[in-house]
């Protein structure tokens, strides 16, 4: 039995398999409509989510399975003091696979230690968001045709942005990638990501503050919102929340084929006028979320791909 807690739980070869399966699902979703008949996904979301929770539930429904769960800590026995470990034990009696989001880093990992069914980390604090990473990789590959030898810019909240941390950890495994971290000093990328990930891989990186000066260099731009829920001081949030806004004038500085990604939700860091630009890829990411999560559910449940007649080799 396999879990997906960290994007690095999958090798580069396994990641490729999942991306290829997601592409096959996107090309012929109807072929996969009954792959998970009789299976149940439990969505255990201890903090608010729209896209991630609905994407997981849609993925399971599109595979022919069913869902159960909760969409807030106040709706579960955590309010009575039940531990994550005990919740995992209990839900293992009701479902076949778990998707868990939790504000505390490491909670999905702890759940996986006690669960009798596969656990997928749907986001834990500022730490990790491996399924979003898979979505981002799929979207970049669709737009650029490859995942290596790219100049990737990350802009905004790089301190608390778990999607940024996960994606950097994955992209550093592909040769020739160069990273640009665009942020104010208060939201700069954590030191551990530089010391533990970038430097050991000898990956070139740049910490800069100007979006306009960096845009012409980039092959991919990954925008993020400044996350109010991660701040202890509202004054700091108000001061920083509008520091980077991508509008059409700024986007005109970029390459004609530079996709703009964003994990959503956005606040005002991407102007609505950008939505009509062909480089806007963030709603493509949303659609890819369904396909990636269908691929992961199929793989972690050890189900057969009806198109190839084979099982993905994660189990």
C-alpha atoms as a PDB file:
ATOM      1  CA  UNK A   1       0.000   0.000   0.000  1.00  0.00           C
ATOM      2  CA  UNK A   2       1.296   3.445  -0.929  1.00  0.00           C
ATOM      3  CA  UNK A   3       0.458   6.902   0.408  1.00  0.00           C
ATOM      4  CA  UNK A   4       1.122  10.293  -1.180  1.00  0.00           C
ATOM      5  CA  UNK A   5       2.283  12.672   1.543  1.00  0.00           C
ATOM      6  CA  UNK A   6       5.105  14.481  -0.218  1.00  0.00           C
ATOM      7  CA  UNK A   7       5.636  15.058  -3.933  1.00  0.00           C
ATOM      8  CA  UNK A   8       9.012  13.327  -3.517  1.00  0.00           C
ATOM      9  CA  UNK A   9       7.221  10.125  -2.489  1.00  0.00           C
ATOM     10  CA  UNK A  10       7.004   9.554  -6.251  1.00  0.00           C
ATOM     11  CA  UNK A  11      10.154   8.976  -8.269  1.00  0.00           C
ATOM     12  CA  UNK A  12      10.669  10.898 -11.496  1.00  0.00           C
ATOM     13  CA  UNK A  13       9.631   7.757 -13.413  1.00  0.00           C
ATOM     14  CA  UNK A  14       6.473   7.334 -11.294  1.00  0.00           C
ATOM     15  CA  UNK A  15       5.648  10.998 -11.724  1.00  0.00           C
ATOM     16  CA  UNK A  16       5.914  10.527 -15.487  1.00  0.00           C
ATOM     17  CA  UNK A  17       3.530   7.559 -15.279  1.00  0.00           C
ATOM     18  CA  UNK A  18       0.945   9.598 -13.378  1.00  0.00           C
ATOM     19  CA  UNK A  19       1.210  12.524 -15.812  1.00  0.00           C
ATOM     20  CA  UNK A  20       0.831  10.165 -18.782  1.00  0.00           C
ATOM     21  CA  UNK A  21      -2.213   8.525 -17.178  1.00  0.00           C
ATOM     22  CA  UNK A  22      -3.753  11.951 -16.515  1.00  0.00           C
ATOM     23  CA  UNK A  23      -3.278  12.836 -20.189  1.00  0.00           C
ATOM     24  CA  UNK A  24      -5.005   9.601 -21.229  1.00  0.00           C
ATOM     25  CA  UNK A  25      -7.912  10.364 -18.899  1.00  0.00           C
ATOM     26  CA  UNK A  26      -8.194  13.886 -20.312  1.00  0.00           C
ATOM     27  CA  UNK A  27      -8.287  12.493 -23.844  1.00  0.00           C
ATOM     28  CA  UNK A  28     -11.034   9.926 -23.086  1.00  0.00           C
ATOM     29  CA  UNK A  29     -12.651  10.457 -19.680  1.00  0.00           C
ATOM     30  CA  UNK A  30     -15.623   8.259 -20.571  1.00  0.00           C
ATOM     31  CA  UNK A  31     -13.358   5.208 -20.736  1.00  0.00           C
ATOM     32  CA  UNK A  32     -12.642   5.601 -17.002  1.00  0.00           C
ATOM     33  CA  UNK A  33     -16.237   6.131 -15.854  1.00  0.00           C
ATOM     34  CA  UNK A  34     -16.551   2.815 -13.978  1.00  0.00           C
ATOM     35  CA  UNK A  35     -12.985   2.113 -12.838  1.00  0.00           C
ATOM     36  CA  UNK A  36     -13.765   2.773  -9.165  1.00  0.00           C
ATOM     37  CA  UNK A  37     -17.275   1.337  -8.972  1.00  0.00           C
ATOM     38  CA  UNK A  38     -17.972   0.397  -5.355  1.00  0.00           C
ATOM     39  CA  UNK A  39     -15.026   2.376  -3.955  1.00  0.00           C
ATOM     40  CA  UNK A  40     -15.354   5.231  -1.439  1.00  0.00           C
ATOM     41  CA  UNK A  41     -13.170   8.315  -1.024  1.00  0.00           C
ATOM     42  CA  UNK A  42     -13.176  10.068   2.374  1.00  0.00           C
ATOM     43  CA  UNK A  43     -12.377  13.793   2.181  1.00  0.00           C
ATOM     44  CA  UNK A  44     -11.167  14.913   5.615  1.00  0.00           C
ATOM     45  CA  UNK A  45     -10.727  18.684   5.314  1.00  0.00           C
ATOM     46  CA  UNK A  46      -9.865  20.375   8.616  1.00  0.00           C
ATOM     47  CA  UNK A  47      -9.554  23.820   6.969  1.00  0.00           C
ATOM     48  CA  UNK A  48     -11.486  25.607   4.207  1.00  0.00           C
ATOM     49  CA  UNK A  49     -11.092  24.522   0.598  1.00  0.00           C
ATOM     50  CA  UNK A  50     -13.103  24.875  -2.570  1.00  0.00           C
ATOM     51  CA  UNK A  51     -11.086  23.647  -5.540  1.00  0.00           C
ATOM     52  CA  UNK A  52      -9.126  20.892  -3.840  1.00  0.00           C
ATOM     53  CA  UNK A  53     -12.066  19.263  -2.034  1.00  0.00           C
ATOM     54  CA  UNK A  54     -14.470  19.534  -4.968  1.00  0.00           C
ATOM     55  CA  UNK A  55     -11.755  18.351  -7.341  1.00  0.00           C
ATOM     56  CA  UNK A  56     -11.131  15.212  -5.282  1.00  0.00           C
ATOM     57  CA  UNK A  57     -14.844  14.512  -4.999  1.00  0.00           C
ATOM     58  CA  UNK A  58     -15.428  15.099  -8.715  1.00  0.00           C
ATOM     59  CA  UNK A  59     -12.486  12.855  -9.551  1.00  0.00           C
ATOM     60  CA  UNK A  60     -13.929   9.979  -7.515  1.00  0.00           C
ATOM     61  CA  UNK A  61     -17.439  10.479  -8.887  1.00  0.00           C
ATOM     62  CA  UNK A  62     -16.091  10.508 -12.457  1.00  0.00           C
ATOM     63  CA  UNK A  63     -14.405   7.180 -11.755  1.00  0.00           C
ATOM     64  CA  UNK A  64     -17.729   5.687 -10.638  1.00  0.00           C
ATOM     65  CA  UNK A  65     -16.976   5.793  -6.915  1.00  0.00           C
ATOM     66  CA  UNK A  66     -18.623   7.597  -4.013  1.00  0.00           C
ATOM     67  CA  UNK A  67     -17.485  10.138  -1.420  1.00  0.00           C
ATOM     68  CA  UNK A  68     -18.016  10.976   2.218  1.00  0.00           C
ATOM     69  CA  UNK A  69     -16.336  13.318   4.658  1.00  0.00           C
ATOM     70  CA  UNK A  70     -16.374  16.781   6.183  1.00  0.00           C
ATOM     71  CA  UNK A  71     -15.354  20.288   5.113  1.00  0.00           C
ATOM     72  CA  UNK A  72     -14.234  21.870   8.371  1.00  0.00           C
ATOM     73  CA  UNK A  73     -12.758  20.856  11.726  1.00  0.00           C
ATOM     74  CA  UNK A  74     -15.923  22.011  13.471  1.00  0.00           C
ATOM     75  CA  UNK A  75     -17.844  19.263  11.647  1.00  0.00           C
ATOM     76  CA  UNK A  76     -15.841  16.346  13.008  1.00  0.00           C
ATOM     77  CA  UNK A  77     -14.877  14.762  16.321  1.00  0.00           C
ATOM     78  CA  UNK A  78     -11.712  16.867  16.499  1.00  0.00           C
ATOM     79  CA  UNK A  79     -13.925  19.314  18.402  1.00  0.00           C
ATOM     80  CA  UNK A  80     -14.292  16.576  21.044  1.00  0.00           C
ATOM     81  CA  UNK A  81     -10.551  15.970  21.184  1.00  0.00           C
ATOM     82  CA  UNK A  82     -10.241  13.041  18.790  1.00  0.00           C
ATOM     83  CA  UNK A  83      -6.719  12.698  17.443  1.00  0.00           C
ATOM     84  CA  UNK A  84      -5.753  12.519  13.774  1.00  0.00           C
ATOM     85  CA  UNK A  85      -4.491   8.993  14.401  1.00  0.00           C
ATOM     86  CA  UNK A  86      -7.834   7.820  15.759  1.00  0.00           C
ATOM     87  CA  UNK A  87      -9.742   9.563  12.980  1.00  0.00           C
ATOM     88  CA  UNK A  88      -7.601   7.704  10.440  1.00  0.00           C
ATOM     89  CA  UNK A  89      -8.295   4.405  12.199  1.00  0.00           C
ATOM     90  CA  UNK A  90     -12.042   5.065  12.222  1.00  0.00           C
ATOM     91  CA  UNK A  91     -12.328   6.269   8.624  1.00  0.00           C
ATOM     92  CA  UNK A  92     -10.326   3.230   7.475  1.00  0.00           C
ATOM     93  CA  UNK A  93     -13.381   1.201   8.477  1.00  0.00           C
ATOM     94  CA  UNK A  94     -15.671   3.207   6.173  1.00  0.00           C
ATOM     95  CA  UNK A  95     -13.695   4.132   3.053  1.00  0.00           C
ATOM     96  CA  UNK A  96     -11.099   2.834   0.601  1.00  0.00           C
ATOM     97  CA  UNK A  97      -8.905   5.938   0.325  1.00  0.00           C
ATOM     98  CA  UNK A  98      -8.488   9.234   2.220  1.00  0.00           C
ATOM     99  CA  UNK A  99      -7.729  12.772   1.051  1.00  0.00           C
ATOM    100  CA  UNK A 100      -6.748  14.938   4.053  1.00  0.00           C
ATOM    101  CA  UNK A 101      -6.162  18.680   4.401  1.00  0.00           C
ATOM    102  CA  UNK A 102      -4.970  19.945   7.757  1.00  0.00           C
ATOM    103  CA  UNK A 103      -3.572  23.253   9.074  1.00  0.00           C
ATOM    104  CA  UNK A 104      -0.840  21.445  11.033  1.00  0.00           C
ATOM    105  CA  UNK A 105       2.261  20.350   9.169  1.00  0.00           C
ATOM    106  CA  UNK A 106       2.740  16.601   9.347  1.00  0.00           C
ATOM    107  CA  UNK A 107      -0.874  15.707  10.165  1.00  0.00           C
ATOM    108  CA  UNK A 108      -1.474  13.685   6.954  1.00  0.00           C
ATOM    109  CA  UNK A 109       1.818  11.855   7.551  1.00  0.00           C
ATOM    110  CA  UNK A 110       0.643  10.914  11.039  1.00  0.00           C
ATOM    111  CA  UNK A 111      -2.696   9.778   9.633  1.00  0.00           C
ATOM    112  CA  UNK A 112      -0.890   7.534   7.147  1.00  0.00           C
ATOM    113  CA  UNK A 113       0.961   5.823  10.002  1.00  0.00           C
ATOM    114  CA  UNK A 114      -2.346   4.577  11.456  1.00  0.00           C
ATOM    115  CA  UNK A 115      -4.543   4.237   8.381  1.00  0.00           C
ATOM    116  CA  UNK A 116      -5.293   0.868   6.808  1.00  0.00           C
ATOM    117  CA  UNK A 117      -6.073   2.575   3.474  1.00  0.00           C
ATOM    118  CA  UNK A 118      -4.061   4.955   1.261  1.00  0.00           C
ATOM    119  CA  UNK A 119      -3.809   8.575   2.441  1.00  0.00           C
ATOM    120  CA  UNK A 120      -3.317  11.517   0.072  1.00  0.00           C
ATOM    121  CA  UNK A 121      -2.039  14.770   1.528  1.00  0.00           C
ATOM    122  CA  UNK A 122      -4.342  17.522   0.239  1.00  0.00           C
ATOM    123  CA  UNK A 123      -2.273  20.230   1.943  1.00  0.00           C
ATOM    124  CA  UNK A 124      -0.731  20.486   5.415  1.00  0.00           C
ATOM    125  CA  UNK A 125      -0.111  23.976   6.740  1.00  0.00           C
ATOM    126  CA  UNK A 126       2.668  25.757   4.863  1.00  0.00           C
ATOM    127  CA  UNK A 127       4.472  22.493   4.246  1.00  0.00           C
ATOM    128  CA  UNK A 128       3.327  20.479   1.262  1.00  0.00           C
ATOM    129  CA  UNK A 129       0.641  20.094  -1.375  1.00  0.00           C
ATOM    130  CA  UNK A 130       1.735  17.181  -3.571  1.00  0.00           C
ATOM    131  CA  UNK A 131      -1.386  16.858  -5.738  1.00  0.00           C
ATOM    132  CA  UNK A 132      -1.177  20.548  -6.644  1.00  0.00           C
ATOM    133  CA  UNK A 133       2.443  19.920  -7.612  1.00  0.00           C
ATOM    134  CA  UNK A 134       1.352  17.145  -9.965  1.00  0.00           C
ATOM    135  CA  UNK A 135      -1.234  19.503 -11.479  1.00  0.00           C
ATOM    136  CA  UNK A 136       1.410  22.180 -11.962  1.00  0.00           C
ATOM    137  CA  UNK A 137       3.808  19.725 -13.606  1.00  0.00           C
ATOM    138  CA  UNK A 138       1.097  18.501 -15.975  1.00  0.00           C
ATOM    139  CA  UNK A 139       0.143  22.057 -16.934  1.00  0.00           C
ATOM    140  CA  UNK A 140       3.751  23.113 -17.534  1.00  0.00           C
ATOM    141  CA  UNK A 141       4.391  20.008 -19.620  1.00  0.00           C
ATOM    142  CA  UNK A 142       1.262  20.632 -21.683  1.00  0.00           C
ATOM    143  CA  UNK A 143       2.277  24.251 -22.311  1.00  0.00           C
ATOM    144  CA  UNK A 144       6.048  23.842 -22.775  1.00  0.00           C
ATOM    145  CA  UNK A 145       6.332  20.226 -23.930  1.00  0.00           C
ATOM    146  CA  UNK A 146       8.949  19.331 -21.296  1.00  0.00           C
ATOM    147  CA  UNK A 147       9.891  19.835 -17.643  1.00  0.00           C
ATOM    148  CA  UNK A 148      13.619  20.465 -17.993  1.00  0.00           C
ATOM    149  CA  UNK A 149      15.846  23.413 -19.009  1.00  0.00           C
ATOM    150  CA  UNK A 150      13.261  26.004 -17.976  1.00  0.00           C
ATOM    151  CA  UNK A 151      13.550  29.358 -16.248  1.00  0.00           C
ATOM    152  CA  UNK A 152      10.748  29.352 -13.690  1.00  0.00           C
ATOM    153  CA  UNK A 153       9.711  32.425 -11.723  1.00  0.00           C
ATOM    154  CA  UNK A 154       7.806  32.236  -8.443  1.00  0.00           C
ATOM    155  CA  UNK A 155       6.196  35.498  -7.340  1.00  0.00           C
ATOM    156  CA  UNK A 156       4.453  36.622  -4.148  1.00  0.00           C
ATOM    157  CA  UNK A 157       4.218  34.670  -0.901  1.00  0.00           C
ATOM    158  CA  UNK A 158       7.194  32.329  -1.093  1.00  0.00           C
ATOM    159  CA  UNK A 159       7.537  31.937   2.680  1.00  0.00           C
ATOM    160  CA  UNK A 160       4.180  30.315   3.447  1.00  0.00           C
ATOM    161  CA  UNK A 161       3.307  29.057  -0.053  1.00  0.00           C
ATOM    162  CA  UNK A 162       3.224  25.272   0.234  1.00  0.00           C
ATOM    163  CA  UNK A 163       2.518  24.974  -3.491  1.00  0.00           C
ATOM    164  CA  UNK A 164       5.787  26.795  -4.208  1.00  0.00           C
ATOM    165  CA  UNK A 165       7.796  24.585  -1.848  1.00  0.00           C
ATOM    166  CA  UNK A 166       6.379  21.385  -3.321  1.00  0.00           C
ATOM    167  CA  UNK A 167       6.878  22.472  -6.930  1.00  0.00           C
ATOM    168  CA  UNK A 168      10.477  23.574  -6.388  1.00  0.00           C
ATOM    169  CA  UNK A 169      11.245  20.223  -4.746  1.00  0.00           C
ATOM    170  CA  UNK A 170       9.931  18.431  -7.828  1.00  0.00           C
ATOM    171  CA  UNK A 171      11.317  20.681 -10.571  1.00  0.00           C
ATOM    172  CA  UNK A 172      14.815  20.598  -9.118  1.00  0.00           C
ATOM    173  CA  UNK A 173      14.963  16.916 -10.109  1.00  0.00           C
ATOM    174  CA  UNK A 174      14.837  17.817 -13.800  1.00  0.00           C
ATOM    175  CA  UNK A 175      18.119  18.958 -15.406  1.00  0.00           C
ATOM    176  CA  UNK A 176      18.813  22.512 -16.456  1.00  0.00           C
ATOM    177  CA  UNK A 177      16.054  24.259 -14.532  1.00  0.00           C
ATOM    178  CA  UNK A 178      16.784  27.736 -13.167  1.00  0.00           C
ATOM    179  CA  UNK A 179      14.718  29.400 -10.442  1.00  0.00           C
ATOM    180  CA  UNK A 180      13.764  33.034  -9.878  1.00  0.00           C
ATOM    181  CA  UNK A 181      12.211  33.902  -6.499  1.00  0.00           C
ATOM    182  CA  UNK A 182      10.384  37.236  -6.665  1.00  0.00           C
ATOM    183  CA  UNK A 183       9.225  38.492  -3.279  1.00  0.00           C
ATOM    184  CA  UNK A 184       9.642  41.128  -0.578  1.00  0.00           C
ATOM    185  CA  UNK A 185      12.135  40.376   2.174  1.00  0.00           C
ATOM    186  CA  UNK A 186       9.325  39.417   4.583  1.00  0.00           C
ATOM    187  CA  UNK A 187       7.978  36.693   2.267  1.00  0.00           C
ATOM    188  CA  UNK A 188      11.186  35.343   0.771  1.00  0.00           C
ATOM    189  CA  UNK A 189      11.641  31.638   0.142  1.00  0.00           C
ATOM    190  CA  UNK A 190      12.578  29.714   3.331  1.00  0.00           C
ATOM    191  CA  UNK A 191      16.268  29.146   3.928  1.00  0.00           C
ATOM    192  CA  UNK A 192      15.779  25.393   4.270  1.00  0.00           C
ATOM    193  CA  UNK A 193      14.514  25.190   0.687  1.00  0.00           C
ATOM    194  CA  UNK A 194      17.735  26.794  -0.515  1.00  0.00           C
ATOM    195  CA  UNK A 195      20.075  24.850   1.761  1.00  0.00           C
ATOM    196  CA  UNK A 196      18.373  21.440   1.597  1.00  0.00           C
ATOM    197  CA  UNK A 197      17.032  21.427  -1.967  1.00  0.00           C
ATOM    198  CA  UNK A 198      18.590  23.934  -4.354  1.00  0.00           C
ATOM    199  CA  UNK A 199      22.224  23.936  -3.226  1.00  0.00           C
ATOM    200  CA  UNK A 200      22.633  20.130  -3.023  1.00  0.00           C
ATOM    201  CA  UNK A 201      21.197  19.880  -6.559  1.00  0.00           C
ATOM    202  CA  UNK A 202      23.495  22.705  -7.728  1.00  0.00           C
ATOM    203  CA  UNK A 203      20.404  24.347  -9.227  1.00  0.00           C
ATOM    204  CA  UNK A 204      20.909  28.022 -10.129  1.00  0.00           C
ATOM    205  CA  UNK A 205      18.578  30.401  -8.325  1.00  0.00           C
ATOM    206  CA  UNK A 206      18.037  34.145  -7.955  1.00  0.00           C
ATOM    207  CA  UNK A 207      16.288  36.035  -5.152  1.00  0.00           C
ATOM    208  CA  UNK A 208      14.931  39.285  -6.587  1.00  0.00           C
ATOM    209  CA  UNK A 209      12.281  41.859  -5.774  1.00  0.00           C
ATOM    210  CA  UNK A 210      11.253  43.257  -9.189  1.00  0.00           C
ATOM    211  CA  UNK A 211       8.625  41.398 -11.193  1.00  0.00           C
ATOM    212  CA  UNK A 212       8.936  43.771 -14.164  1.00  0.00           C
ATOM    213  CA  UNK A 213      12.706  43.305 -14.502  1.00  0.00           C
ATOM    214  CA  UNK A 214      12.462  39.521 -14.203  1.00  0.00           C
ATOM    215  CA  UNK A 215       9.530  38.808 -16.535  1.00  0.00           C
ATOM    216  CA  UNK A 216      11.498  38.957 -19.832  1.00  0.00           C
ATOM    217  CA  UNK A 217      13.795  36.170 -18.576  1.00  0.00           C
ATOM    218  CA  UNK A 218      11.125  33.647 -17.690  1.00  0.00           C
ATOM    219  CA  UNK A 219       9.766  30.569 -19.479  1.00  0.00           C
ATOM    220  CA  UNK A 220       7.110  30.010 -16.769  1.00  0.00           C
ATOM    221  CA  UNK A 221       5.621  32.371 -14.158  1.00  0.00           C
ATOM    222  CA  UNK A 222       3.998  30.984 -11.004  1.00  0.00           C
ATOM    223  CA  UNK A 223       1.977  33.649  -9.172  1.00  0.00           C
ATOM    224  CA  UNK A 224       0.757  33.243  -5.597  1.00  0.00           C
ATOM    225  CA  UNK A 225      -1.518  35.212  -3.307  1.00  0.00           C
ATOM    226  CA  UNK A 226      -0.378  36.661  -0.005  1.00  0.00           C
ATOM    227  CA  UNK A 227      -2.185  34.348   2.410  1.00  0.00           C
ATOM    228  CA  UNK A 228      -4.013  36.242   5.137  1.00  0.00           C
ATOM    229  CA  UNK A 229      -4.608  33.045   7.106  1.00  0.00           C
ATOM    230  CA  UNK A 230      -0.837  32.534   7.568  1.00  0.00           C
ATOM    231  CA  UNK A 231      -0.248  35.943   9.160  1.00  0.00           C
ATOM    232  CA  UNK A 232      -0.275  36.616  12.891  1.00  0.00           C
ATOM    233  CA  UNK A 233      -0.361  40.389  12.377  1.00  0.00           C
ATOM    234  CA  UNK A 234      -3.093  41.861  10.171  1.00  0.00           C
ATOM    235  CA  UNK A 235      -1.106  45.051   9.664  1.00  0.00           C
ATOM    236  CA  UNK A 236       1.685  43.070   8.002  1.00  0.00           C
ATOM    237  CA  UNK A 237      -0.836  41.379   5.736  1.00  0.00           C
ATOM    238  CA  UNK A 238      -2.410  44.676   4.665  1.00  0.00           C
ATOM    239  CA  UNK A 239       1.026  46.157   3.973  1.00  0.00           C
ATOM    240  CA  UNK A 240       2.138  43.264   1.769  1.00  0.00           C
ATOM    241  CA  UNK A 241      -1.013  41.944   0.125  1.00  0.00           C
ATOM    242  CA  UNK A 242      -0.908  44.187  -2.973  1.00  0.00           C
ATOM    243  CA  UNK A 243       2.842  44.294  -3.463  1.00  0.00           C
ATOM    244  CA  UNK A 244       2.723  42.335  -6.755  1.00  0.00           C
ATOM    245  CA  UNK A 245      -0.132  42.661  -9.220  1.00  0.00           C
ATOM    246  CA  UNK A 246       0.203  41.122 -12.675  1.00  0.00           C
ATOM    247  CA  UNK A 247      -1.725  43.177 -15.209  1.00  0.00           C
ATOM    248  CA  UNK A 248      -1.687  43.218 -19.010  1.00  0.00           C
ATOM    249  CA  UNK A 249       0.929  45.974 -19.155  1.00  0.00           C
ATOM    250  CA  UNK A 250       3.379  43.905 -17.112  1.00  0.00           C
ATOM    251  CA  UNK A 251       2.514  40.697 -18.958  1.00  0.00           C
ATOM    252  CA  UNK A 252       3.433  42.395 -22.242  1.00  0.00           C
ATOM    253  CA  UNK A 253       7.031  42.367 -21.003  1.00  0.00           C
ATOM    254  CA  UNK A 254       7.066  38.555 -20.997  1.00  0.00           C
ATOM    255  CA  UNK A 255       7.705  36.010 -23.726  1.00  0.00           C
ATOM    256  CA  UNK A 256       4.778  35.233 -26.032  1.00  0.00           C
ATOM    257  CA  UNK A 257       4.672  31.595 -24.870  1.00  0.00           C
ATOM    258  CA  UNK A 258       5.248  32.104 -21.116  1.00  0.00           C
ATOM    259  CA  UNK A 259       2.361  30.453 -19.243  1.00  0.00           C
ATOM    260  CA  UNK A 260       1.055  32.103 -16.079  1.00  0.00           C
ATOM    261  CA  UNK A 261       0.168  29.614 -13.360  1.00  0.00           C
ATOM    262  CA  UNK A 262      -1.596  30.242 -10.058  1.00  0.00           C
ATOM    263  CA  UNK A 263      -2.853  27.640  -7.533  1.00  0.00           C
ATOM    264  CA  UNK A 264      -5.944  29.802  -6.781  1.00  0.00           C
ATOM    265  CA  UNK A 265      -7.811  31.341  -5.130  1.00  0.00           C
ATOM    266  CA  UNK A 266      -6.553  34.697  -6.323  1.00  0.00           C
ATOM    267  CA  UNK A 267      -7.398  37.960  -4.625  1.00  0.00           C
ATOM    268  CA  UNK A 268      -6.089  40.779  -6.783  1.00  0.00           C
ATOM    269  CA  UNK A 269      -2.553  39.624  -7.656  1.00  0.00           C
ATOM    270  CA  UNK A 270      -3.674  38.813 -11.217  1.00  0.00           C
ATOM    271  CA  UNK A 271      -5.867  41.426 -12.861  1.00  0.00           C
ATOM    272  CA  UNK A 272      -9.037  40.030 -14.517  1.00  0.00           C
ATOM    273  CA  UNK A 273      -7.891  41.437 -17.867  1.00  0.00           C
ATOM    274  CA  UNK A 274      -5.123  38.807 -17.916  1.00  0.00           C
ATOM    275  CA  UNK A 275      -7.717  36.014 -18.072  1.00  0.00           C
ATOM    276  CA  UNK A 276      -8.254  36.637 -21.787  1.00  0.00           C
ATOM    277  CA  UNK A 277      -4.548  36.378 -22.593  1.00  0.00           C
ATOM    278  CA  UNK A 278      -3.623  32.968 -24.076  1.00  0.00           C
ATOM    279  CA  UNK A 279      -0.766  32.746 -21.589  1.00  0.00           C
ATOM    280  CA  UNK A 280      -3.219  32.518 -18.663  1.00  0.00           C
ATOM    281  CA  UNK A 281      -3.047  28.866 -17.607  1.00  0.00           C
ATOM    282  CA  UNK A 282      -4.619  28.901 -14.152  1.00  0.00           C
ATOM    283  CA  UNK A 283      -8.070  27.681 -15.159  1.00  0.00           C
ATOM    284  CA  UNK A 284      -6.392  24.956 -17.220  1.00  0.00           C
ATOM    285  CA  UNK A 285      -4.736  23.978 -13.922  1.00  0.00           C
ATOM    286  CA  UNK A 286      -8.189  23.639 -12.332  1.00  0.00           C
ATOM    287  CA  UNK A 287      -9.327  21.236 -15.040  1.00  0.00           C
ATOM    288  CA  UNK A 288      -6.069  19.312 -14.812  1.00  0.00           C
ATOM    289  CA  UNK A 289      -6.733  18.923 -11.090  1.00  0.00           C
ATOM    290  CA  UNK A 290      -9.592  16.568 -11.836  1.00  0.00           C
ATOM    291  CA  UNK A 291      -7.510  14.464 -14.220  1.00  0.00           C
ATOM    292  CA  UNK A 292      -4.486  14.267 -11.907  1.00  0.00           C
ATOM    293  CA  UNK A 293      -6.594  13.250  -8.925  1.00  0.00           C
ATOM    294  CA  UNK A 294      -8.412  10.632 -10.991  1.00  0.00           C
ATOM    295  CA  UNK A 295      -5.006   9.254 -11.994  1.00  0.00           C
ATOM    296  CA  UNK A 296      -3.758   9.189  -8.405  1.00  0.00           C
ATOM    297  CA  UNK A 297      -6.897   7.520  -7.044  1.00  0.00           C
ATOM    298  CA  UNK A 298      -6.666   4.874  -9.760  1.00  0.00           C
ATOM    299  CA  UNK A 299      -3.013   4.253  -9.017  1.00  0.00           C
ATOM    300  CA  UNK A 300      -3.145   4.201  -5.215  1.00  0.00           C
ATOM    301  CA  UNK A 301      -6.164   1.867  -5.284  1.00  0.00           C
ATOM    302  CA  UNK A 302      -4.229  -0.465  -7.595  1.00  0.00           C
ATOM    303  CA  UNK A 303      -6.936  -0.342 -10.250  1.00  0.00           C
ATOM    304  CA  UNK A 304      -6.493  -1.241 -13.919  1.00  0.00           C
ATOM    305  CA  UNK A 305      -6.194   1.425 -16.590  1.00  0.00           C
ATOM    306  CA  UNK A 306      -8.933   0.422 -19.093  1.00  0.00           C
ATOM    307  CA  UNK A 307      -7.064   2.063 -21.988  1.00  0.00           C
ATOM    308  CA  UNK A 308      -3.745   0.205 -21.532  1.00  0.00           C
ATOM    309  CA  UNK A 309      -5.136  -2.816 -19.694  1.00  0.00           C
ATOM    310  CA  UNK A 310      -2.354  -2.432 -17.117  1.00  0.00           C
ATOM    311  CA  UNK A 311      -1.988  -1.192 -13.563  1.00  0.00           C
ATOM    312  CA  UNK A 312       0.185   1.789 -12.717  1.00  0.00           C
ATOM    313  CA  UNK A 313       3.193   0.502 -10.797  1.00  0.00           C
ATOM    314  CA  UNK A 314       2.733   2.482  -7.573  1.00  0.00           C
ATOM    315  CA  UNK A 315       1.456  -0.526  -5.592  1.00  0.00           C
END
